[in-house]
Amino acid sequence: MVKIVKHMLTDAHHRIIDYVRLAVTDRCNLRCTYCMPENMHFVPSQALLSDSEILRLLQILAAAGISKVRITGGEPFLRPGLLALLEKITAIPGIQEIAITTNGVLTAPFIPALRALGITHINLSLDTLQAARFQQITRRNRFTAVMDTLHQLLQHELHTKINVVVMEGVNTDELLDFAALTREQPVSVRFIEEMPFNGQGHTFSGINWHYQRILEHIGNRYPLHKIPDAPHATALNYHIPGHRGNIGVIPAYSRTFCGTCNRIRISATGSMRTCLYGKDELHIKPLLQDTSNSALLLSAIEAAIQVRYANGFEAAQAYQEENRESMSVIGG
């Protein structure tokens, strides 16, 4: 049991870190073109953080002020025993919110159990509303399963956000269709700028469909009313009058939200990254082997956070490797 000694993790820019994105697997049952190559090589299962390592890590982080955990992958529902792990995470003192990002292929049968655990915030990755295009983007024929998950999430009244990666020449003709989903459903549709993390080794030259253009395109059809954003939000949120849901844009490539970033990322193998555009700053798994010294691990985490860059542009400039990992390795 980790002794709770409450204090806050703070970086050199006086930003409080209270949110961790934790990948529980690097495996995925889709092969989205913007995320990973077709022939992805996954790490051996023994290289992943074990349940006990995850729980000990989160106990240490919760003691240091982490209150929100987002479970990611790969696809988190590919991890065996995920529900049992989630149940134990909910019992950790200090963890106030657990959210999950999923592609929805396997999620639907788990939704009642998630709600029973008090896990009600789900981000669903869905980049098209067309079955044929879904297969082109994901290289898999699982559109029906994903749409069933969306319907089940809404039926069980979970807080659902749909994450749409906007790709020029691929799905920009569907932006208004996605916005129209918010008319009858209490869903938040978030349009995300494409990022240079496809793991396919080619140079990313930037984007034409940046968040301002996305807003302009939707605004030409619907009146957009700005609504308040939550503290540390990555999305700029808007409401269309008469609609039940909202839309948002995430300037993931423009990086306008870096100044208030409150999160760290931990990969499925235990590598910690303090910025999505940076590099791994700390390998946590070896430090978890010494179960008698939580203070040493926390000290190493604090030291890594202290050298955190001011924003994603600084981090990217310092990390100039041409062959970026896939988004599935980073954990989103």
C-alpha atoms as a PDB file:
ATOM      1  CA  MET A   1       0.000   0.000   0.000  1.00  0.00           C
ATOM      2  CA  VAL A   2       1.337   3.419  -0.954  1.00  0.00           C
ATOM      3  CA  LYS A   3       1.223   6.019   1.789  1.00  0.00           C
ATOM      4  CA  ILE A   4      -0.709   9.079   0.686  1.00  0.00           C
ATOM      5  CA  VAL A   5       1.351  12.223   1.108  1.00  0.00           C
ATOM      6  CA  LYS A   6      -0.685  14.892  -0.642  1.00  0.00           C
ATOM      7  CA  HIS A   7       1.196  17.414  -2.727  1.00  0.00           C
ATOM      8  CA  MET A   8       0.936  18.589  -6.295  1.00  0.00           C
ATOM      9  CA  LEU A   9       3.114  17.862  -9.287  1.00  0.00           C
ATOM     10  CA  THR A  10       4.168  21.162 -10.867  1.00  0.00           C
ATOM     11  CA  ASP A  11       6.358  21.816 -13.884  1.00  0.00           C
ATOM     12  CA  ALA A  12       8.952  24.550 -14.371  1.00  0.00           C
ATOM     13  CA  HIS A  13       6.281  26.780 -15.910  1.00  0.00           C
ATOM     14  CA  HIS A  14       4.122  26.602 -12.762  1.00  0.00           C
ATOM     15  CA  ARG A  15       1.508  24.348 -14.374  1.00  0.00           C
ATOM     16  CA  ILE A  16      -0.092  21.836 -12.029  1.00  0.00           C
ATOM     17  CA  ILE A  17      -0.132  18.284 -13.413  1.00  0.00           C
ATOM     18  CA  ASP A  18      -3.257  16.426 -12.302  1.00  0.00           C
ATOM     19  CA  TYR A  19      -4.163  14.288 -15.326  1.00  0.00           C
ATOM     20  CA  VAL A  20      -2.505  11.174 -16.733  1.00  0.00           C
ATOM     21  CA  ARG A  21      -3.229   9.442 -20.033  1.00  0.00           C
ATOM     22  CA  LEU A  22      -2.344   5.800 -19.501  1.00  0.00           C
ATOM     23  CA  ALA A  23      -2.069   3.341 -22.381  1.00  0.00           C
ATOM     24  CA  VAL A  24      -2.860  -0.191 -21.227  1.00  0.00           C
ATOM     25  CA  THR A  25      -1.887  -1.874 -24.506  1.00  0.00           C
ATOM     26  CA  ASP A  26      -0.123  -1.003 -27.744  1.00  0.00           C
ATOM     27  CA  ARG A  27      -2.310  -3.422 -29.698  1.00  0.00           C
ATOM     28  CA  CYS A  28      -5.170  -2.305 -31.918  1.00  0.00           C
ATOM     29  CA  ASN A  29      -7.764  -4.114 -34.027  1.00  0.00           C
ATOM     30  CA  LEU A  30      -7.866  -1.307 -36.607  1.00  0.00           C
ATOM     31  CA  ARG A  31      -5.068   0.048 -38.801  1.00  0.00           C
ATOM     32  CA  CYS A  32      -6.092   3.661 -39.327  1.00  0.00           C
ATOM     33  CA  THR A  33      -3.948   5.243 -42.005  1.00  0.00           C
ATOM     34  CA  TYR A  34      -3.195   8.373 -39.943  1.00  0.00           C
ATOM     35  CA  CYS A  35      -2.217   6.347 -36.878  1.00  0.00           C
ATOM     36  CA  MET A  36      -0.136   3.292 -37.768  1.00  0.00           C
ATOM     37  CA  PRO A  37       1.286   1.269 -40.636  1.00  0.00           C
ATOM     38  CA  GLU A  38      -0.544  -1.785 -41.949  1.00  0.00           C
ATOM     39  CA  ASN A  39       2.143  -4.199 -40.701  1.00  0.00           C
ATOM     40  CA  MET A  40       2.485  -2.925 -37.164  1.00  0.00           C
ATOM     41  CA  HIS A  41       4.875  -4.786 -34.849  1.00  0.00           C
ATOM     42  CA  PHE A  42       3.639  -4.980 -31.275  1.00  0.00           C
ATOM     43  CA  VAL A  43       5.756  -5.532 -28.187  1.00  0.00           C
ATOM     44  CA  PRO A  44       5.643  -8.852 -26.300  1.00  0.00           C
ATOM     45  CA  SER A  45       2.935  -8.924 -23.645  1.00  0.00           C
ATOM     46  CA  GLN A  46       5.509  -9.307 -20.870  1.00  0.00           C
ATOM     47  CA  ALA A  47       6.944  -5.907 -21.840  1.00  0.00           C
ATOM     48  CA  LEU A  48       3.681  -4.175 -20.942  1.00  0.00           C
ATOM     49  CA  LEU A  49       3.003  -2.778 -17.507  1.00  0.00           C
ATOM     50  CA  SER A  50       1.337  -5.456 -15.398  1.00  0.00           C
ATOM     51  CA  ASP A  51      -1.854  -4.823 -13.440  1.00  0.00           C
ATOM     52  CA  SER A  52       0.092  -4.587 -10.198  1.00  0.00           C
ATOM     53  CA  GLU A  53       2.561  -2.132 -11.738  1.00  0.00           C
ATOM     54  CA  ILE A  54      -0.255   0.033 -13.086  1.00  0.00           C
ATOM     55  CA  LEU A  55      -2.023   0.090  -9.735  1.00  0.00           C
ATOM     56  CA  ARG A  56       1.131   0.936  -7.811  1.00  0.00           C
ATOM     57  CA  LEU A  57       2.013   3.672 -10.290  1.00  0.00           C
ATOM     58  CA  LEU A  58      -1.447   5.227 -10.074  1.00  0.00           C
ATOM     59  CA  GLN A  59      -1.377   5.078  -6.274  1.00  0.00           C
ATOM     60  CA  ILE A  60       1.894   7.014  -6.319  1.00  0.00           C
ATOM     61  CA  LEU A  61       0.566   9.527  -8.842  1.00  0.00           C
ATOM     62  CA  ALA A  62      -2.699   9.972  -6.954  1.00  0.00           C
ATOM     63  CA  ALA A  63      -0.711  10.690  -3.812  1.00  0.00           C
ATOM     64  CA  ALA A  64       1.030  13.437  -5.788  1.00  0.00           C
ATOM     65  CA  GLY A  65      -2.199  15.064  -6.940  1.00  0.00           C
ATOM     66  CA  ILE A  66      -3.218  13.169 -10.079  1.00  0.00           C
ATOM     67  CA  SER A  67      -7.021  13.091  -9.963  1.00  0.00           C
ATOM     68  CA  LYS A  68      -8.005  12.152 -13.526  1.00  0.00           C
ATOM     69  CA  VAL A  69      -6.958   9.062 -15.463  1.00  0.00           C
ATOM     70  CA  ARG A  70      -7.730   8.470 -19.116  1.00  0.00           C
ATOM     71  CA  ILE A  71      -7.320   4.876 -20.252  1.00  0.00           C
ATOM     72  CA  THR A  72      -6.071   4.620 -23.829  1.00  0.00           C
ATOM     73  CA  GLY A  73      -4.215   2.207 -26.107  1.00  0.00           C
ATOM     74  CA  GLY A  74      -3.865   1.035 -28.831  1.00  0.00           C
ATOM     75  CA  GLU A  75      -7.372  -0.172 -28.181  1.00  0.00           C
ATOM     76  CA  PRO A  76      -7.817  -0.594 -24.410  1.00  0.00           C
ATOM     77  CA  PHE A  77     -10.501  -3.282 -24.654  1.00  0.00           C
ATOM     78  CA  LEU A  78      -7.931  -5.612 -26.213  1.00  0.00           C
ATOM     79  CA  ARG A  79      -6.199  -5.850 -22.827  1.00  0.00           C
ATOM     80  CA  PRO A  80      -7.287  -9.041 -21.030  1.00  0.00           C
ATOM     81  CA  GLY A  81      -9.002  -8.384 -17.714  1.00  0.00           C
ATOM     82  CA  LEU A  82      -9.518  -4.670 -18.332  1.00  0.00           C
ATOM     83  CA  LEU A  83     -12.742  -4.447 -16.310  1.00  0.00           C
ATOM     84  CA  ALA A  84     -11.116  -6.013 -13.248  1.00  0.00           C
ATOM     85  CA  LEU A  85      -8.238  -3.545 -13.554  1.00  0.00           C
ATOM     86  CA  LEU A  86     -10.647  -0.621 -13.898  1.00  0.00           C
ATOM     87  CA  GLU A  87     -12.519  -1.726 -10.789  1.00  0.00           C
ATOM     88  CA  LYS A  88      -9.292  -1.621  -8.790  1.00  0.00           C
ATOM     89  CA  ILE A  89      -8.364   1.789 -10.209  1.00  0.00           C
ATOM     90  CA  THR A  90     -11.706   3.214  -9.072  1.00  0.00           C
ATOM     91  CA  ALA A  91     -10.773   2.259  -5.506  1.00  0.00           C
ATOM     92  CA  ILE A  92      -7.538   4.283  -5.453  1.00  0.00           C
ATOM     93  CA  PRO A  93      -7.881   7.258  -3.076  1.00  0.00           C
ATOM     94  CA  GLY A  94      -7.566  10.552  -4.918  1.00  0.00           C
ATOM     95  CA  ILE A  95      -8.661   9.314  -8.354  1.00  0.00           C
ATOM     96  CA  GLN A  96     -11.824  11.313  -9.028  1.00  0.00           C
ATOM     97  CA  GLU A  97     -12.468  10.577 -12.688  1.00  0.00           C
ATOM     98  CA  ILE A  98     -11.677   7.703 -15.019  1.00  0.00           C
ATOM     99  CA  ALA A  99     -12.327   8.176 -18.730  1.00  0.00           C
ATOM    100  CA  ILE A 100     -11.694   5.876 -21.679  1.00  0.00           C
ATOM    101  CA  THR A 101     -10.776   6.481 -25.303  1.00  0.00           C
ATOM    102  CA  THR A 102     -11.822   3.604 -27.564  1.00  0.00           C
ATOM    103  CA  ASN A 103     -12.337   2.805 -31.229  1.00  0.00           C
ATOM    104  CA  GLY A 104     -15.632   1.120 -30.329  1.00  0.00           C
ATOM    105  CA  VAL A 105     -15.074  -2.205 -32.064  1.00  0.00           C
ATOM    106  CA  LEU A 106     -15.285  -4.280 -28.869  1.00  0.00           C
ATOM    107  CA  THR A 107     -16.812  -1.769 -26.475  1.00  0.00           C
ATOM    108  CA  ALA A 108     -20.588  -2.272 -26.652  1.00  0.00           C
ATOM    109  CA  PRO A 109     -20.888  -5.372 -24.393  1.00  0.00           C
ATOM    110  CA  PHE A 110     -18.878  -3.638 -21.651  1.00  0.00           C
ATOM    111  CA  ILE A 111     -20.979  -0.481 -21.430  1.00  0.00           C
ATOM    112  CA  PRO A 112     -23.378  -1.582 -18.637  1.00  0.00           C
ATOM    113  CA  ALA A 113     -20.419  -2.753 -16.525  1.00  0.00           C
ATOM    114  CA  LEU A 114     -18.576   0.524 -17.112  1.00  0.00           C
ATOM    115  CA  ARG A 115     -21.577   2.485 -15.945  1.00  0.00           C
ATOM    116  CA  ALA A 116     -21.848   0.267 -12.858  1.00  0.00           C
ATOM    117  CA  LEU A 117     -18.231   1.164 -12.048  1.00  0.00           C
ATOM    118  CA  GLY A 118     -19.033   4.863 -12.369  1.00  0.00           C
ATOM    119  CA  ILE A 119     -17.048   5.257 -15.601  1.00  0.00           C
ATOM    120  CA  THR A 120     -19.306   7.498 -17.655  1.00  0.00           C
ATOM    121  CA  HIS A 121     -16.950   9.549 -19.862  1.00  0.00           C
ATOM    122  CA  ILE A 122     -16.107   7.840 -23.166  1.00  0.00           C
ATOM    123  CA  ASN A 123     -14.301   9.242 -26.196  1.00  0.00           C
ATOM    124  CA  LEU A 124     -15.161   7.308 -29.342  1.00  0.00           C
ATOM    125  CA  SER A 125     -12.808   7.564 -32.315  1.00  0.00           C
ATOM    126  CA  LEU A 126     -14.894   7.732 -35.489  1.00  0.00           C
ATOM    127  CA  ASP A 127     -13.655   9.476 -38.624  1.00  0.00           C
ATOM    128  CA  THR A 128     -16.464   8.734 -41.065  1.00  0.00           C
ATOM    129  CA  LEU A 129     -20.178   7.946 -41.115  1.00  0.00           C
ATOM    130  CA  GLN A 130     -19.845   5.875 -44.294  1.00  0.00           C
ATOM    131  CA  ALA A 131     -19.214   2.132 -44.106  1.00  0.00           C
ATOM    132  CA  ALA A 132     -17.090   1.893 -47.265  1.00  0.00           C
ATOM    133  CA  ARG A 133     -14.962   4.871 -46.257  1.00  0.00           C
ATOM    134  CA  PHE A 134     -14.557   3.428 -42.766  1.00  0.00           C
ATOM    135  CA  GLN A 135     -12.944   0.360 -44.299  1.00  0.00           C
ATOM    136  CA  GLN A 136     -10.653   2.543 -46.415  1.00  0.00           C
ATOM    137  CA  ILE A 137      -9.483   4.576 -43.402  1.00  0.00           C
ATOM    138  CA  THR A 138      -9.182   1.738 -40.889  1.00  0.00           C
ATOM    139  CA  ARG A 139      -8.302  -1.101 -43.298  1.00  0.00           C
ATOM    140  CA  ARG A 140     -10.901  -3.161 -41.432  1.00  0.00           C
ATOM    141  CA  ASN A 141     -14.618  -3.887 -41.923  1.00  0.00           C
ATOM    142  CA  ARG A 142     -15.939  -3.084 -38.430  1.00  0.00           C
ATOM    143  CA  PHE A 143     -18.189  -0.090 -39.064  1.00  0.00           C
ATOM    144  CA  THR A 144     -21.354  -1.818 -37.821  1.00  0.00           C
ATOM    145  CA  ALA A 145     -19.737  -2.725 -34.489  1.00  0.00           C
ATOM    146  CA  VAL A 146     -18.549   0.837 -33.931  1.00  0.00           C
ATOM    147  CA  MET A 147     -21.956   2.327 -34.717  1.00  0.00           C
ATOM    148  CA  ASP A 148     -23.563  -0.173 -32.342  1.00  0.00           C
ATOM    149  CA  THR A 149     -21.204   1.061 -29.632  1.00  0.00           C
ATOM    150  CA  LEU A 150     -22.218   4.657 -30.335  1.00  0.00           C
ATOM    151  CA  HIS A 151     -25.894   3.772 -30.052  1.00  0.00           C
ATOM    152  CA  GLN A 152     -25.315   1.821 -26.822  1.00  0.00           C
ATOM    153  CA  LEU A 153     -23.328   4.689 -25.288  1.00  0.00           C
ATOM    154  CA  LEU A 154     -26.160   7.096 -25.975  1.00  0.00           C
ATOM    155  CA  GLN A 155     -28.826   4.628 -24.852  1.00  0.00           C
ATOM    156  CA  HIS A 156     -27.060   4.178 -21.509  1.00  0.00           C
ATOM    157  CA  GLU A 157     -26.631   7.954 -21.217  1.00  0.00           C
ATOM    158  CA  LEU A 158     -22.854   7.988 -20.966  1.00  0.00           C
ATOM    159  CA  HIS A 159     -21.068  11.272 -21.612  1.00  0.00           C
ATOM    160  CA  THR A 160     -19.937  10.614 -25.167  1.00  0.00           C
ATOM    161  CA  LYS A 161     -17.464  12.535 -27.282  1.00  0.00           C
ATOM    162  CA  ILE A 162     -16.813  11.565 -30.889  1.00  0.00           C
ATOM    163  CA  ASN A 163     -13.250  12.257 -31.995  1.00  0.00           C
ATOM    164  CA  VAL A 164     -12.983  12.981 -35.732  1.00  0.00           C
ATOM    165  CA  VAL A 165      -9.526  13.377 -37.254  1.00  0.00           C
ATOM    166  CA  VAL A 166      -9.953  15.784 -40.160  1.00  0.00           C
ATOM    167  CA  MET A 167      -8.030  14.583 -43.225  1.00  0.00           C
ATOM    168  CA  GLU A 168      -7.897  16.580 -46.424  1.00  0.00           C
ATOM    169  CA  GLY A 169      -9.285  14.663 -49.382  1.00  0.00           C
ATOM    170  CA  VAL A 170     -10.549  11.895 -47.120  1.00  0.00           C
ATOM    171  CA  ASN A 171     -13.426  13.021 -44.885  1.00  0.00           C
ATOM    172  CA  THR A 172     -13.744  16.807 -45.114  1.00  0.00           C
ATOM    173  CA  ASP A 173     -16.956  16.363 -47.091  1.00  0.00           C
ATOM    174  CA  GLU A 174     -18.515  14.817 -43.950  1.00  0.00           C
ATOM    175  CA  LEU A 175     -17.901  17.629 -41.472  1.00  0.00           C
ATOM    176  CA  LEU A 176     -21.441  18.943 -41.804  1.00  0.00           C
ATOM    177  CA  ASP A 177     -22.836  15.423 -41.445  1.00  0.00           C
ATOM    178  CA  PHE A 178     -20.972  15.050 -38.156  1.00  0.00           C
ATOM    179  CA  ALA A 179     -22.189  18.445 -36.990  1.00  0.00           C
ATOM    180  CA  ALA A 180     -25.747  17.362 -37.819  1.00  0.00           C
ATOM    181  CA  LEU A 181     -25.398  14.448 -35.353  1.00  0.00           C
ATOM    182  CA  THR A 182     -25.611  16.955 -32.513  1.00  0.00           C
ATOM    183  CA  ARG A 183     -29.133  17.995 -33.534  1.00  0.00           C
ATOM    184  CA  GLU A 184     -30.910  15.012 -32.015  1.00  0.00           C
ATOM    185  CA  GLN A 185     -28.217  13.455 -29.825  1.00  0.00           C
ATOM    186  CA  PRO A 186     -26.551  14.865 -26.675  1.00  0.00           C
ATOM    187  CA  VAL A 187     -23.118  14.113 -28.074  1.00  0.00           C
ATOM    188  CA  SER A 188     -20.006  16.257 -28.401  1.00  0.00           C
ATOM    189  CA  VAL A 189     -18.351  15.970 -31.809  1.00  0.00           C
ATOM    190  CA  ARG A 190     -14.726  17.126 -31.723  1.00  0.00           C
ATOM    191  CA  PHE A 191     -12.860  17.776 -34.950  1.00  0.00           C
ATOM    192  CA  ILE A 192      -9.131  17.153 -34.514  1.00  0.00           C
ATOM    193  CA  GLU A 193      -6.352  18.541 -36.663  1.00  0.00           C
ATOM    194  CA  GLU A 194      -4.310  15.751 -38.192  1.00  0.00           C
ATOM    195  CA  MET A 195      -0.965  15.135 -36.477  1.00  0.00           C
ATOM    196  CA  PRO A 196       2.387  13.805 -37.757  1.00  0.00           C
ATOM    197  CA  PHE A 197       2.264  10.522 -35.824  1.00  0.00           C
ATOM    198  CA  ASN A 198       1.372   7.870 -38.372  1.00  0.00           C
ATOM    199  CA  GLY A 199       4.465   5.701 -37.867  1.00  0.00           C
ATOM    200  CA  GLN A 200       4.926   5.374 -41.615  1.00  0.00           C
ATOM    201  CA  GLY A 201       8.181   7.237 -41.928  1.00  0.00           C
ATOM    202  CA  HIS A 202       7.210  10.018 -44.309  1.00  0.00           C
ATOM    203  CA  THR A 203       7.526  13.717 -43.656  1.00  0.00           C
ATOM    204  CA  PHE A 204       4.433  15.540 -42.447  1.00  0.00           C
ATOM    205  CA  SER A 205       4.185  18.853 -44.257  1.00  0.00           C
ATOM    206  CA  GLY A 206       1.481  20.509 -42.145  1.00  0.00           C
ATOM    207  CA  ILE A 207      -2.253  20.901 -42.590  1.00  0.00           C
ATOM    208  CA  ASN A 208      -4.625  22.880 -44.734  1.00  0.00           C
ATOM    209  CA  TRP A 209      -7.638  21.944 -42.655  1.00  0.00           C
ATOM    210  CA  HIS A 210      -6.589  23.734 -39.473  1.00  0.00           C
ATOM    211  CA  TYR A 211      -9.069  24.457 -36.698  1.00  0.00           C
ATOM    212  CA  GLN A 212      -9.963  27.924 -38.012  1.00  0.00           C
ATOM    213  CA  ARG A 213     -10.846  26.549 -41.428  1.00  0.00           C
ATOM    214  CA  ILE A 214     -12.912  23.795 -39.854  1.00  0.00           C
ATOM    215  CA  LEU A 215     -14.873  26.344 -37.842  1.00  0.00           C
ATOM    216  CA  GLU A 216     -15.355  28.547 -40.878  1.00  0.00           C
ATOM    217  CA  HIS A 217     -16.611  25.619 -42.954  1.00  0.00           C
ATOM    218  CA  ILE A 218     -19.168  24.545 -40.336  1.00  0.00           C
ATOM    219  CA  GLY A 219     -20.065  28.154 -39.550  1.00  0.00           C
ATOM    220  CA  ASN A 220     -21.097  28.717 -43.172  1.00  0.00           C
ATOM    221  CA  ARG A 221     -23.901  26.203 -42.604  1.00  0.00           C
ATOM    222  CA  TYR A 222     -24.696  26.508 -38.901  1.00  0.00           C
ATOM    223  CA  PRO A 223     -24.575  29.464 -36.505  1.00  0.00           C
ATOM    224  CA  LEU A 224     -21.877  28.656 -33.936  1.00  0.00           C
ATOM    225  CA  HIS A 225     -22.175  30.096 -30.438  1.00  0.00           C
ATOM    226  CA  LYS A 226     -19.011  29.896 -28.334  1.00  0.00           C
ATOM    227  CA  ILE A 227     -19.577  28.171 -25.004  1.00  0.00           C
ATOM    228  CA  PRO A 228     -17.214  28.070 -21.998  1.00  0.00           C
ATOM    229  CA  ASP A 229     -14.348  25.602 -22.135  1.00  0.00           C
ATOM    230  CA  ALA A 230     -13.414  23.559 -19.092  1.00  0.00           C
ATOM    231  CA  PRO A 231     -10.107  24.447 -17.403  1.00  0.00           C
ATOM    232  CA  HIS A 232      -7.161  22.894 -19.294  1.00  0.00           C
ATOM    233  CA  ALA A 233      -9.447  21.874 -22.168  1.00  0.00           C
ATOM    234  CA  THR A 234      -7.790  20.979 -25.459  1.00  0.00           C
ATOM    235  CA  ALA A 235     -10.978  21.724 -27.397  1.00  0.00           C
ATOM    236  CA  LEU A 236     -12.625  25.020 -28.303  1.00  0.00           C
ATOM    237  CA  ASN A 237     -16.322  24.308 -27.836  1.00  0.00           C
ATOM    238  CA  TYR A 238     -19.379  25.640 -29.643  1.00  0.00           C
ATOM    239  CA  HIS A 239     -23.132  25.125 -29.626  1.00  0.00           C
ATOM    240  CA  ILE A 240     -25.519  25.201 -32.552  1.00  0.00           C
ATOM    241  CA  PRO A 241     -28.861  26.716 -31.419  1.00  0.00           C
ATOM    242  CA  GLY A 242     -31.609  24.112 -31.286  1.00  0.00           C
ATOM    243  CA  HIS A 243     -29.182  21.180 -31.115  1.00  0.00           C
ATOM    244  CA  ARG A 244     -28.916  18.856 -28.116  1.00  0.00           C
ATOM    245  CA  GLY A 245     -25.173  18.330 -28.424  1.00  0.00           C
ATOM    246  CA  ASN A 246     -22.104  20.473 -29.067  1.00  0.00           C
ATOM    247  CA  ILE A 247     -19.157  20.581 -31.398  1.00  0.00           C
ATOM    248  CA  GLY A 248     -15.527  21.303 -30.668  1.00  0.00           C
ATOM    249  CA  VAL A 249     -12.264  21.753 -32.507  1.00  0.00           C
ATOM    250  CA  ILE A 250      -8.958  20.494 -31.161  1.00  0.00           C
ATOM    251  CA  PRO A 251      -5.930  22.421 -32.513  1.00  0.00           C
ATOM    252  CA  ALA A 252      -3.679  19.394 -32.091  1.00  0.00           C
ATOM    253  CA  TYR A 253      -1.211  20.563 -34.748  1.00  0.00           C
ATOM    254  CA  SER A 254      -1.651  24.308 -34.164  1.00  0.00           C
ATOM    255  CA  ARG A 255      -1.066  23.677 -30.418  1.00  0.00           C
ATOM    256  CA  THR A 256      -2.924  26.702 -29.088  1.00  0.00           C
ATOM    257  CA  PHE A 257      -3.704  24.937 -25.791  1.00  0.00           C
ATOM    258  CA  CYS A 258      -0.146  24.144 -24.678  1.00  0.00           C
ATOM    259  CA  GLY A 259       0.039  26.962 -22.145  1.00  0.00           C
ATOM    260  CA  THR A 260      -2.515  25.320 -19.870  1.00  0.00           C
ATOM    261  CA  CYS A 261      -1.565  21.663 -20.405  1.00  0.00           C
ATOM    262  CA  ASN A 262      -2.046  19.677 -17.202  1.00  0.00           C
ATOM    263  CA  ARG A 263      -1.274  16.157 -18.398  1.00  0.00           C
ATOM    264  CA  ILE A 264       1.410  13.552 -18.762  1.00  0.00           C
ATOM    265  CA  ARG A 265       1.337  10.431 -20.914  1.00  0.00           C
ATOM    266  CA  ILE A 266       2.461   6.957 -19.966  1.00  0.00           C
ATOM    267  CA  SER A 267       2.813   4.302 -22.642  1.00  0.00           C
ATOM    268  CA  ALA A 268       1.797   0.676 -22.329  1.00  0.00           C
ATOM    269  CA  THR A 269       5.434  -0.242 -21.640  1.00  0.00           C
ATOM    270  CA  GLY A 270       5.812   2.414 -18.948  1.00  0.00           C
ATOM    271  CA  SER A 271       7.553   5.240 -20.801  1.00  0.00           C
ATOM    272  CA  MET A 272       6.526   8.682 -19.591  1.00  0.00           C
ATOM    273  CA  ARG A 273       6.158  11.591 -21.987  1.00  0.00           C
ATOM    274  CA  THR A 274       5.469  15.108 -20.766  1.00  0.00           C
ATOM    275  CA  CYS A 275       4.499  16.413 -24.216  1.00  0.00           C
ATOM    276  CA  LEU A 276       2.840  14.686 -27.149  1.00  0.00           C
ATOM    277  CA  TYR A 277       5.390  16.288 -29.492  1.00  0.00           C
ATOM    278  CA  GLY A 278       8.387  15.456 -27.326  1.00  0.00           C
ATOM    279  CA  LYS A 279      10.245  12.255 -26.560  1.00  0.00           C
ATOM    280  CA  ASP A 280      10.072   9.756 -23.741  1.00  0.00           C
ATOM    281  CA  GLU A 281      11.498  11.439 -20.654  1.00  0.00           C
ATOM    282  CA  LEU A 282      11.458   8.551 -18.198  1.00  0.00           C
ATOM    283  CA  HIS A 283      11.208   4.748 -18.299  1.00  0.00           C
ATOM    284  CA  ILE A 284       9.050   3.931 -15.308  1.00  0.00           C
ATOM    285  CA  LYS A 285       8.799   0.147 -15.527  1.00  0.00           C
ATOM    286  CA  PRO A 286      12.325  -0.568 -14.201  1.00  0.00           C
ATOM    287  CA  LEU A 287      11.729   1.802 -11.282  1.00  0.00           C
ATOM    288  CA  LEU A 288       8.569  -0.080 -10.364  1.00  0.00           C
ATOM    289  CA  GLN A 289      10.621  -3.208  -9.691  1.00  0.00           C
ATOM    290  CA  ASP A 290      11.738  -1.781  -6.335  1.00  0.00           C
ATOM    291  CA  THR A 291       8.432  -2.052  -4.501  1.00  0.00           C
ATOM    292  CA  SER A 292       9.941  -0.727  -1.263  1.00  0.00           C
ATOM    293  CA  ASN A 293      10.905   2.710  -2.570  1.00  0.00           C
ATOM    294  CA  SER A 294       7.974   4.737  -3.861  1.00  0.00           C
ATOM    295  CA  ALA A 295       9.801   7.966  -3.045  1.00  0.00           C
ATOM    296  CA  LEU A 296      12.523   7.186  -5.604  1.00  0.00           C
ATOM    297  CA  LEU A 297       9.968   6.703  -8.386  1.00  0.00           C
ATOM    298  CA  LEU A 298       8.067   9.848  -7.469  1.00  0.00           C
ATOM    299  CA  SER A 299      11.304  11.822  -7.374  1.00  0.00           C
ATOM    300  CA  ALA A 300      12.186  10.622 -10.880  1.00  0.00           C
ATOM    301  CA  ILE A 301       8.722  11.579 -12.158  1.00  0.00           C
ATOM    302  CA  GLU A 302       9.013  15.022 -10.582  1.00  0.00           C
ATOM    303  CA  ALA A 303      12.433  15.542 -12.142  1.00  0.00           C
ATOM    304  CA  ALA A 304      11.114  14.635 -15.609  1.00  0.00           C
ATOM    305  CA  ILE A 305       8.200  17.034 -15.233  1.00  0.00           C
ATOM    306  CA  GLN A 306      10.535  19.822 -14.173  1.00  0.00           C
ATOM    307  CA  VAL A 307      12.311  19.784 -17.549  1.00  0.00           C
ATOM    308  CA  ARG A 308       9.026  19.913 -19.449  1.00  0.00           C
ATOM    309  CA  TYR A 309       8.967  22.242 -22.435  1.00  0.00           C
ATOM    310  CA  ALA A 310       6.786  25.337 -22.472  1.00  0.00           C
ATOM    311  CA  ASN A 311       4.841  24.098 -25.499  1.00  0.00           C
ATOM    312  CA  GLY A 312       4.674  21.533 -28.279  1.00  0.00           C
ATOM    313  CA  PHE A 313       6.732  23.651 -30.661  1.00  0.00           C
ATOM    314  CA  GLU A 314       9.722  23.693 -28.317  1.00  0.00           C
ATOM    315  CA  ALA A 315       9.341  19.961 -27.718  1.00  0.00           C
ATOM    316  CA  ALA A 316       9.167  19.180 -31.436  1.00  0.00           C
ATOM    317  CA  GLN A 317      12.211  21.331 -32.166  1.00  0.00           C
ATOM    318  CA  ALA A 318      14.218  19.447 -29.570  1.00  0.00           C
ATOM    319  CA  TYR A 319      13.004  16.098 -30.874  1.00  0.00           C
ATOM    320  CA  GLN A 320      13.887  16.126 -34.553  1.00  0.00           C
ATOM    321  CA  GLU A 321      13.704  12.442 -35.409  1.00  0.00           C
ATOM    322  CA  GLU A 322      12.317  12.005 -38.890  1.00  0.00           C
ATOM    323  CA  ASN A 323      10.602   8.657 -38.283  1.00  0.00           C
ATOM    324  CA  ARG A 324       8.032   9.417 -35.650  1.00  0.00           C
ATOM    325  CA  GLU A 325       6.280   6.640 -33.752  1.00  0.00           C
ATOM    326  CA  SER A 326       2.696   5.802 -34.521  1.00  0.00           C
ATOM    327  CA  MET A 327      -0.021   7.412 -32.435  1.00  0.00           C
ATOM    328  CA  SER A 328      -0.879   3.990 -31.040  1.00  0.00           C
ATOM    329  CA  VAL A 329       2.574   3.749 -29.442  1.00  0.00           C
ATOM    330  CA  ILE A 330       2.329   7.214 -27.908  1.00  0.00           C
ATOM    331  CA  GLY A 331      -1.108   6.516 -26.497  1.00  0.00           C
ATOM    332  CA  GLY A 332      -2.869   9.549 -27.961  1.00  0.00           C
END
